[in-house]
Amino acid sequence: MNSNEKLKNFLTQEIIPDLEEAIDEMFSMIEKAKMASIADKEELQDLQEMHAECKDIVSEIEAGEMPEEEAESILKEFVEMKTADEE
């Protein structure tokens, strides 16, 4: 399996679902509180932007437009982020 396939699988099976869950939790929290702080709005915006970027990366891989080296580098960054979040 090449780096593009590994990155696509990692994004679609790990990162994107985690982001969608976090976005849903933020919406739920904001809805229950009936308002959102500036920090909450910024966090929600950051999560939505990261979600969109991940979707763009998957599209780029599917279109065959991502160089193998770039996919490898991005995959390494995401694995490091995911590992740091779990600690």
PDB file of N, CA and C in Angstrom:
ATOM      1  N   MET A   1       0.860  -1.177   0.000  1.00  0.00           N
ATOM      2  CA  MET A   1       0.000   0.000   0.000  1.00  0.00           C
ATOM      3  C   MET A   1       0.908   1.241   0.000  1.00  0.00           C
ATOM      4  N   ASN A   2       0.656   2.138  -0.935  1.00  0.00           N
ATOM      5  CA  ASN A   2       1.496   3.339  -1.021  1.00  0.00           C
ATOM      6  C   ASN A   2       1.015   4.413  -0.029  1.00  0.00           C
ATOM      7  N   SER A   3       1.784   5.473   0.071  1.00  0.00           N
ATOM      8  CA  SER A   3       1.480   6.529   1.042  1.00  0.00           C
ATOM      9  C   SER A   3       0.160   7.216   0.755  1.00  0.00           C
ATOM     10  N   ASN A   4      -0.178   7.377  -0.523  1.00  0.00           N
ATOM     11  CA  ASN A   4      -1.464   7.996  -0.864  1.00  0.00           C
ATOM     12  C   ASN A   4      -2.621   7.165  -0.312  1.00  0.00           C
ATOM     13  N   GLU A   5      -2.566   5.852  -0.512  1.00  0.00           N
ATOM     14  CA  GLU A   5      -3.630   4.980  -0.028  1.00  0.00           C
ATOM     15  C   GLU A   5      -3.676   4.974   1.496  1.00  0.00           C
ATOM     16  N   LYS A   6      -2.501   4.930   2.136  1.00  0.00           N
ATOM     17  CA  LYS A   6      -2.443   4.948   3.598  1.00  0.00           C
ATOM     18  C   LYS A   6      -3.043   6.241   4.141  1.00  0.00           C
ATOM     19  N   LEU A   7      -2.674   7.380   3.526  1.00  0.00           N
ATOM     20  CA  LEU A   7      -3.186   8.672   3.965  1.00  0.00           C
ATOM     21  C   LEU A   7      -4.697   8.739   3.784  1.00  0.00           C
ATOM     22  N   LYS A   8      -5.182   8.321   2.626  1.00  0.00           N
ATOM     23  CA  LYS A   8      -6.625   8.347   2.363  1.00  0.00           C
ATOM     24  C   LYS A   8      -7.369   7.493   3.382  1.00  0.00           C
ATOM     25  N   ASN A   9      -6.876   6.289   3.640  1.00  0.00           N
ATOM     26  CA  ASN A   9      -7.517   5.402   4.613  1.00  0.00           C
ATOM     27  C   ASN A   9      -7.498   6.012   6.012  1.00  0.00           C
ATOM     28  N   PHE A  10      -6.361   6.580   6.400  1.00  0.00           N
ATOM     29  CA  PHE A  10      -6.238   7.172   7.731  1.00  0.00           C
ATOM     30  C   PHE A  10      -7.208   8.342   7.885  1.00  0.00           C
ATOM     31  N   LEU A  11      -7.295   9.170   6.848  1.00  0.00           N
ATOM     32  CA  LEU A  11      -8.209  10.309   6.902  1.00  0.00           C
ATOM     33  C   LEU A  11      -9.661   9.865   6.954  1.00  0.00           C
ATOM     34  N   THR A  12     -10.038   8.946   6.084  1.00  0.00           N
ATOM     35  CA  THR A  12     -11.447   8.556   5.997  1.00  0.00           C
ATOM     36  C   THR A  12     -11.894   7.668   7.155  1.00  0.00           C
ATOM     37  N   GLN A  13     -10.968   6.920   7.754  1.00  0.00           N
ATOM     38  CA  GLN A  13     -11.357   6.003   8.821  1.00  0.00           C
ATOM     39  C   GLN A  13     -11.068   6.533  10.219  1.00  0.00           C
ATOM     40  N   GLU A  14     -10.157   7.469  10.341  1.00  0.00           N
ATOM     41  CA  GLU A  14      -9.764   7.953  11.662  1.00  0.00           C
ATOM     42  C   GLU A  14     -10.049   9.448  11.849  1.00  0.00           C
ATOM     43  N   ILE A  15      -9.388  10.271  11.057  1.00  0.00           N
ATOM     44  CA  ILE A  15      -9.391  11.721  11.277  1.00  0.00           C
ATOM     45  C   ILE A  15     -10.747  12.348  10.989  1.00  0.00           C
ATOM     46  N   ILE A  16     -11.305  12.109   9.811  1.00  0.00           N
ATOM     47  CA  ILE A  16     -12.573  12.740   9.434  1.00  0.00           C
ATOM     48  C   ILE A  16     -13.704  12.335  10.391  1.00  0.00           C
ATOM     49  N   PRO A  17     -13.847  11.045  10.727  1.00  0.00           N
ATOM     50  CA  PRO A  17     -14.897  10.704  11.705  1.00  0.00           C
ATOM     51  C   PRO A  17     -14.685  11.374  13.073  1.00  0.00           C
ATOM     52  N   ASP A  18     -13.430  11.469  13.510  1.00  0.00           N
ATOM     53  CA  ASP A  18     -13.144  12.146  14.782  1.00  0.00           C
ATOM     54  C   ASP A  18     -13.529  13.626  14.714  1.00  0.00           C
ATOM     55  N   LEU A  19     -13.209  14.259  13.601  1.00  0.00           N
ATOM     56  CA  LEU A  19     -13.550  15.671  13.431  1.00  0.00           C
ATOM     57  C   LEU A  19     -15.066  15.867  13.402  1.00  0.00           C
ATOM     58  N   GLU A  20     -15.760  14.993  12.686  1.00  0.00           N
ATOM     59  CA  GLU A  20     -17.221  15.098  12.610  1.00  0.00           C
ATOM     60  C   GLU A  20     -17.849  14.919  13.988  1.00  0.00           C
ATOM     61  N   GLU A  21     -17.307  14.002  14.788  1.00  0.00           N
ATOM     62  CA  GLU A  21     -17.809  13.800  16.142  1.00  0.00           C
ATOM     63  C   GLU A  21     -17.563  15.046  16.999  1.00  0.00           C
ATOM     64  N   ALA A  22     -16.376  15.619  16.888  1.00  0.00           N
ATOM     65  CA  ALA A  22     -16.038  16.819  17.664  1.00  0.00           C
ATOM     66  C   ALA A  22     -16.923  17.999  17.248  1.00  0.00           C
ATOM     67  N   ILE A  23     -17.181  18.138  15.948  1.00  0.00           N
ATOM     68  CA  ILE A  23     -18.054  19.209  15.454  1.00  0.00           C
ATOM     69  C   ILE A  23     -19.469  19.016  15.992  1.00  0.00           C
ATOM     70  N   ASP A  24     -19.959  17.782  15.942  1.00  0.00           N
ATOM     71  CA  ASP A  24     -21.301  17.495  16.468  1.00  0.00           C
ATOM     72  C   ASP A  24     -21.392  17.817  17.957  1.00  0.00           C
ATOM     73  N   GLU A  25     -20.343  17.464  18.708  1.00  0.00           N
ATOM     74  CA  GLU A  25     -20.327  17.745  20.147  1.00  0.00           C
ATOM     75  C   GLU A  25     -20.336  19.249  20.412  1.00  0.00           C
ATOM     76  N   MET A  26     -19.579  20.000  19.611  1.00  0.00           N
ATOM     77  CA  MET A  26     -19.552  21.458  19.776  1.00  0.00           C
ATOM     78  C   MET A  26     -20.932  22.049  19.498  1.00  0.00           C
ATOM     79  N   PHE A  27     -21.581  21.613  18.411  1.00  0.00           N
ATOM     80  CA  PHE A  27     -22.926  22.103  18.095  1.00  0.00           C
ATOM     81  C   PHE A  27     -23.896  21.772  19.220  1.00  0.00           C
ATOM     82  N   SER A  28     -23.798  20.573  19.740  1.00  0.00           N
ATOM     83  CA  SER A  28     -24.683  20.153  20.819  1.00  0.00           C
ATOM     84  C   SER A  28     -24.457  20.998  22.066  1.00  0.00           C
ATOM     85  N   MET A  29     -23.198  21.229  22.403  1.00  0.00           N
ATOM     86  CA  MET A  29     -22.869  22.032  23.574  1.00  0.00           C
ATOM     87  C   MET A  29     -23.386  23.467  23.411  1.00  0.00           C
ATOM     88  N   ILE A  30     -23.183  24.031  22.241  1.00  0.00           N
ATOM     89  CA  ILE A  30     -23.638  25.401  21.968  1.00  0.00           C
ATOM     90  C   ILE A  30     -25.167  25.471  22.024  1.00  0.00           C
ATOM     91  N   GLU A  31     -25.815  24.444  21.469  1.00  0.00           N
ATOM     92  CA  GLU A  31     -27.280  24.423  21.470  1.00  0.00           C
ATOM     93  C   GLU A  31     -27.823  24.333  22.898  1.00  0.00           C
ATOM     94  N   LYS A  32     -27.223  23.505  23.733  1.00  0.00           N
ATOM     95  CA  LYS A  32     -27.676  23.366  25.124  1.00  0.00           C
ATOM     96  C   LYS A  32     -27.465  24.659  25.906  1.00  0.00           C
ATOM     97  N   ALA A  33     -26.359  25.335  25.646  1.00  0.00           N
ATOM     98  CA  ALA A  33     -26.055  26.576  26.363  1.00  0.00           C
ATOM     99  C   ALA A  33     -26.821  27.765  25.790  1.00  0.00           C
ATOM    100  N   LYS A  34     -27.405  27.587  24.620  1.00  0.00           N
ATOM    101  CA  LYS A  34     -28.155  28.632  23.916  1.00  0.00           C
ATOM    102  C   LYS A  34     -27.287  29.806  23.468  1.00  0.00           C
ATOM    103  N   MET A  35     -25.977  29.664  23.644  1.00  0.00           N
ATOM    104  CA  MET A  35     -25.059  30.683  23.137  1.00  0.00           C
ATOM    105  C   MET A  35     -23.659  30.093  23.105  1.00  0.00           C
ATOM    106  N   ALA A  36     -22.793  30.761  22.383  1.00  0.00           N
ATOM    107  CA  ALA A  36     -21.424  30.272  22.271  1.00  0.00           C
ATOM    108  C   ALA A  36     -20.457  31.407  22.582  1.00  0.00           C
ATOM    109  N   SER A  37     -19.418  31.063  23.313  1.00  0.00           N
ATOM    110  CA  SER A  37     -18.378  32.054  23.586  1.00  0.00           C
ATOM    111  C   SER A  37     -17.545  32.256  22.318  1.00  0.00           C
ATOM    112  N   ILE A  38     -16.767  33.282  22.316  1.00  0.00           N
ATOM    113  CA  ILE A  38     -15.880  33.532  21.178  1.00  0.00           C
ATOM    114  C   ILE A  38     -14.925  32.356  21.002  1.00  0.00           C
ATOM    115  N   ALA A  39     -14.424  31.828  22.117  1.00  0.00           N
ATOM    116  CA  ALA A  39     -13.507  30.685  22.058  1.00  0.00           C
ATOM    117  C   ALA A  39     -14.194  29.461  21.452  1.00  0.00           C
ATOM    118  N   ASP A  40     -15.449  29.234  21.834  1.00  0.00           N
ATOM    119  CA  ASP A  40     -16.200  28.108  21.273  1.00  0.00           C
ATOM    120  C   ASP A  40     -16.388  28.273  19.767  1.00  0.00           C
ATOM    121  N   LYS A  41     -16.732  29.487  19.359  1.00  0.00           N
ATOM    122  CA  LYS A  41     -16.921  29.752  17.930  1.00  0.00           C
ATOM    123  C   LYS A  41     -15.623  29.551  17.162  1.00  0.00           C
ATOM    124  N   GLU A  42     -14.511  29.995  17.742  1.00  0.00           N
ATOM    125  CA  GLU A  42     -13.215  29.830  17.077  1.00  0.00           C
ATOM    126  C   GLU A  42     -12.840  28.354  16.985  1.00  0.00           C
ATOM    127  N   GLU A  43     -13.077  27.600  18.061  1.00  0.00           N
ATOM    128  CA  GLU A  43     -12.770  26.168  18.044  1.00  0.00           C
ATOM    129  C   GLU A  43     -13.620  25.453  16.995  1.00  0.00           C
ATOM    130  N   LEU A  44     -14.899  25.792  16.945  1.00  0.00           N
ATOM    131  CA  LEU A  44     -15.791  25.194  15.956  1.00  0.00           C
ATOM    132  C   LEU A  44     -15.322  25.527  14.543  1.00  0.00           C
ATOM    133  N   GLN A  45     -14.947  26.769  14.322  1.00  0.00           N
ATOM    134  CA  GLN A  45     -14.457  27.173  13.003  1.00  0.00           C
ATOM    135  C   GLN A  45     -13.179  26.414  12.644  1.00  0.00           C
ATOM    136  N   ASP A  46     -12.270  26.264  13.602  1.00  0.00           N
ATOM    137  CA  ASP A  46     -11.031  25.513  13.361  1.00  0.00           C
ATOM    138  C   ASP A  46     -11.329  24.060  12.990  1.00  0.00           C
ATOM    139  N   LEU A  47     -12.256  23.450  13.719  1.00  0.00           N
ATOM    140  CA  LEU A  47     -12.623  22.061  13.423  1.00  0.00           C
ATOM    141  C   LEU A  47     -13.232  21.939  12.034  1.00  0.00           C
ATOM    142  N   GLN A  48     -14.095  22.884  11.676  1.00  0.00           N
ATOM    143  CA  GLN A  48     -14.727  22.851  10.357  1.00  0.00           C
ATOM    144  C   GLN A  48     -13.707  23.065   9.238  1.00  0.00           C
ATOM    145  N   GLU A  49     -12.746  23.951   9.470  1.00  0.00           N
ATOM    146  CA  GLU A  49     -11.704  24.180   8.475  1.00  0.00           C
ATOM    147  C   GLU A  49     -10.831  22.943   8.297  1.00  0.00           C
ATOM    148  N   MET A  50     -10.462  22.301   9.410  1.00  0.00           N
ATOM    149  CA  MET A  50      -9.646  21.094   9.319  1.00  0.00           C
ATOM    150  C   MET A  50     -10.414  19.983   8.609  1.00  0.00           C
ATOM    151  N   HIS A  51     -11.710  19.878   8.890  1.00  0.00           N
ATOM    152  CA  HIS A  51     -12.557  18.883   8.231  1.00  0.00           C
ATOM    153  C   HIS A  51     -12.559  19.122   6.717  1.00  0.00           C
ATOM    154  N   ALA A  52     -12.735  20.365   6.311  1.00  0.00           N
ATOM    155  CA  ALA A  52     -12.739  20.710   4.881  1.00  0.00           C
ATOM    156  C   ALA A  52     -11.387  20.406   4.243  1.00  0.00           C
ATOM    157  N   GLU A  53     -10.306  20.721   4.947  1.00  0.00           N
ATOM    158  CA  GLU A  53      -8.968  20.446   4.422  1.00  0.00           C
ATOM    159  C   GLU A  53      -8.757  18.950   4.239  1.00  0.00           C
ATOM    160  N   CYS A  54      -9.220  18.158   5.180  1.00  0.00           N
ATOM    161  CA  CYS A  54      -9.082  16.701   5.073  1.00  0.00           C
ATOM    162  C   CYS A  54      -9.861  16.177   3.874  1.00  0.00           C
ATOM    163  N   LYS A  55     -11.070  16.687   3.704  1.00  0.00           N
ATOM    164  CA  LYS A  55     -11.880  16.282   2.548  1.00  0.00           C
ATOM    165  C   LYS A  55     -11.182  16.669   1.240  1.00  0.00           C
ATOM    166  N   ASP A  56     -10.552  17.858   1.212  1.00  0.00           N
ATOM    167  CA  ASP A  56      -9.817  18.298   0.023  1.00  0.00           C
ATOM    168  C   ASP A  56      -8.635  17.380  -0.267  1.00  0.00           C
ATOM    169  N   ILE A  57      -7.939  16.957   0.781  1.00  0.00           N
ATOM    170  CA  ILE A  57      -6.797  16.052   0.608  1.00  0.00           C
ATOM    171  C   ILE A  57      -7.278  14.732   0.016  1.00  0.00           C
ATOM    172  N   VAL A  58      -8.377  14.194   0.534  1.00  0.00           N
ATOM    173  CA  VAL A  58      -8.930  12.945   0.002  1.00  0.00           C
ATOM    174  C   VAL A  58      -9.293  13.116  -1.477  1.00  0.00           C
ATOM    175  N   SER A  59      -9.901  14.237  -1.819  1.00  0.00           N
ATOM    176  CA  SER A  59     -10.266  14.498  -3.224  1.00  0.00           C
ATOM    177  C   SER A  59      -9.029  14.578  -4.106  1.00  0.00           C
ATOM    178  N   GLU A  60      -7.996  15.220  -3.582  1.00  0.00           N
ATOM    179  CA  GLU A  60      -6.739  15.353  -4.334  1.00  0.00           C
ATOM    180  C   GLU A  60      -6.113  13.974  -4.577  1.00  0.00           C
ATOM    181  N   ILE A  61      -6.160  13.117  -3.566  1.00  0.00           N
ATOM    182  CA  ILE A  61      -5.617  11.760  -3.716  1.00  0.00           C
ATOM    183  C   ILE A  61      -6.439  10.991  -4.745  1.00  0.00           C
ATOM    184  N   GLU A  62      -7.757  11.067  -4.638  1.00  0.00           N
ATOM    185  CA  GLU A  62      -8.636  10.348  -5.569  1.00  0.00           C
ATOM    186  C   GLU A  62      -8.449  10.811  -7.004  1.00  0.00           C
ATOM    187  N   ALA A  63      -8.092  12.083  -7.183  1.00  0.00           N
ATOM    188  CA  ALA A  63      -7.866  12.617  -8.529  1.00  0.00           C
ATOM    189  C   ALA A  63      -6.459  12.304  -9.029  1.00  0.00           C
ATOM    190  N   GLY A  64      -5.635  11.695  -8.173  1.00  0.00           N
ATOM    191  CA  GLY A  64      -4.270  11.356  -8.567  1.00  0.00           C
ATOM    192  C   GLY A  64      -3.348  12.556  -8.649  1.00  0.00           C
ATOM    193  N   GLU A  65      -3.688  13.608  -7.893  1.00  0.00           N
ATOM    194  CA  GLU A  65      -2.928  14.857  -7.972  1.00  0.00           C
ATOM    195  C   GLU A  65      -1.932  15.048  -6.835  1.00  0.00           C
ATOM    196  N   MET A  66      -1.853  14.085  -5.912  1.00  0.00           N
ATOM    197  CA  MET A  66      -0.961  14.251  -4.772  1.00  0.00           C
ATOM    198  C   MET A  66       0.309  13.428  -4.981  1.00  0.00           C
ATOM    199  N   PRO A  67       1.458  14.110  -4.937  1.00  0.00           N
ATOM    200  CA  PRO A  67       2.721  13.374  -5.036  1.00  0.00           C
ATOM    201  C   PRO A  67       2.903  12.456  -3.827  1.00  0.00           C
ATOM    202  N   GLU A  68       3.532  11.334  -4.051  1.00  0.00           N
ATOM    203  CA  GLU A  68       3.753  10.331  -3.003  1.00  0.00           C
ATOM    204  C   GLU A  68       4.493  10.920  -1.797  1.00  0.00           C
ATOM    205  N   GLU A  69       5.493  11.760  -2.061  1.00  0.00           N
ATOM    206  CA  GLU A  69       6.285  12.344  -0.973  1.00  0.00           C
ATOM    207  C   GLU A  69       5.429  13.267  -0.104  1.00  0.00           C
ATOM    208  N   GLU A  70       4.556  14.032  -0.743  1.00  0.00           N
ATOM    209  CA  GLU A  70       3.679  14.935   0.003  1.00  0.00           C
ATOM    210  C   GLU A  70       2.707  14.133   0.868  1.00  0.00           C
ATOM    211  N   ALA A  71       2.159  13.059   0.306  1.00  0.00           N
ATOM    212  CA  ALA A  71       1.232  12.211   1.061  1.00  0.00           C
ATOM    213  C   ALA A  71       1.935  11.614   2.277  1.00  0.00           C
ATOM    214  N   GLU A  72       3.158  11.188   2.081  1.00  0.00           N
ATOM    215  CA  GLU A  72       3.933  10.605   3.183  1.00  0.00           C
ATOM    216  C   GLU A  72       4.159  11.626   4.298  1.00  0.00           C
ATOM    217  N   SER A  73       4.487  12.849   3.913  1.00  0.00           N
ATOM    218  CA  SER A  73       4.723  13.916   4.885  1.00  0.00           C
ATOM    219  C   SER A  73       3.444  14.273   5.651  1.00  0.00           C
ATOM    220  N   ILE A  74       2.345  14.399   4.940  1.00  0.00           N
ATOM    221  CA  ILE A  74       1.063  14.729   5.569  1.00  0.00           C
ATOM    222  C   ILE A  74       0.628  13.605   6.506  1.00  0.00           C
ATOM    223  N   LEU A  75       0.798  12.366   6.051  1.00  0.00           N
ATOM    224  CA  LEU A  75       0.431  11.215   6.879  1.00  0.00           C
ATOM    225  C   LEU A  75       1.220  11.226   8.184  1.00  0.00           C
ATOM    226  N   LYS A  76       2.502  11.502   8.092  1.00  0.00           N
ATOM    227  CA  LYS A  76       3.349  11.545   9.285  1.00  0.00           C
ATOM    228  C   LYS A  76       2.841  12.603  10.266  1.00  0.00           C
ATOM    229  N   GLU A  77       2.484  13.788   9.743  1.00  0.00           N
ATOM    230  CA  GLU A  77       1.973  14.864  10.600  1.00  0.00           C
ATOM    231  C   GLU A  77       0.672  14.457  11.299  1.00  0.00           C
ATOM    232  N   PHE A  78      -0.254  13.848  10.549  1.00  0.00           N
ATOM    233  CA  PHE A  78      -1.529  13.446  11.132  1.00  0.00           C
ATOM    234  C   PHE A  78      -1.352  12.351  12.175  1.00  0.00           C
ATOM    235  N   VAL A  79      -0.456  11.404  11.912  1.00  0.00           N
ATOM    236  CA  VAL A  79      -0.212  10.330  12.880  1.00  0.00           C
ATOM    237  C   VAL A  79       0.365  10.923  14.163  1.00  0.00           C
ATOM    238  N   GLU A  80       1.282  11.877  14.038  1.00  0.00           N
ATOM    239  CA  GLU A  80       1.859  12.532  15.214  1.00  0.00           C
ATOM    240  C   GLU A  80       0.792  13.296  15.993  1.00  0.00           C
ATOM    241  N   MET A  81      -0.089  14.010  15.286  1.00  0.00           N
ATOM    242  CA  MET A  81      -1.173  14.746  15.943  1.00  0.00           C
ATOM    243  C   MET A  81      -2.111  13.787  16.679  1.00  0.00           C
ATOM    244  N   LYS A  82      -2.486  12.724  16.013  1.00  0.00           N
ATOM    245  CA  LYS A  82      -3.416  11.754  16.588  1.00  0.00           C
ATOM    246  C   LYS A  82      -2.792  11.109  17.825  1.00  0.00           C
ATOM    247  N   THR A  83      -1.516  10.760  17.743  1.00  0.00           N
ATOM    248  CA  THR A  83      -0.822  10.139  18.869  1.00  0.00           C
ATOM    249  C   THR A  83      -0.733  11.111  20.038  1.00  0.00           C
ATOM    250  N   ALA A  84      -0.451  12.368  19.757  1.00  0.00           N
ATOM    251  CA  ALA A  84      -0.362  13.391  20.822  1.00  0.00           C
ATOM    252  C   ALA A  84      -1.716  13.597  21.494  1.00  0.00           C
ATOM    253  N   ASP A  85      -2.808  13.543  20.720  1.00  0.00           N
ATOM    254  CA  ASP A  85      -4.150  13.718  21.279  1.00  0.00           C
ATOM    255  C   ASP A  85      -4.532  12.574  22.204  1.00  0.00           C
ATOM    256  N   GLU A  86      -4.027  11.380  21.929  1.00  0.00           N
ATOM    257  CA  GLU A  86      -4.394  10.213  22.711  1.00  0.00           C
ATOM    258  C   GLU A  86      -3.615  10.112  24.011  1.00  0.00           C
ATOM    259  N   GLU A  87      -2.540  10.861  24.132  1.00  0.00           N
ATOM    260  CA  GLU A  87      -1.709  10.797  25.355  1.00  0.00           C
ATOM    261  C   GLU A  87      -2.276  11.628  26.460  1.00  0.00           C
TER     262      GLU A  87
END
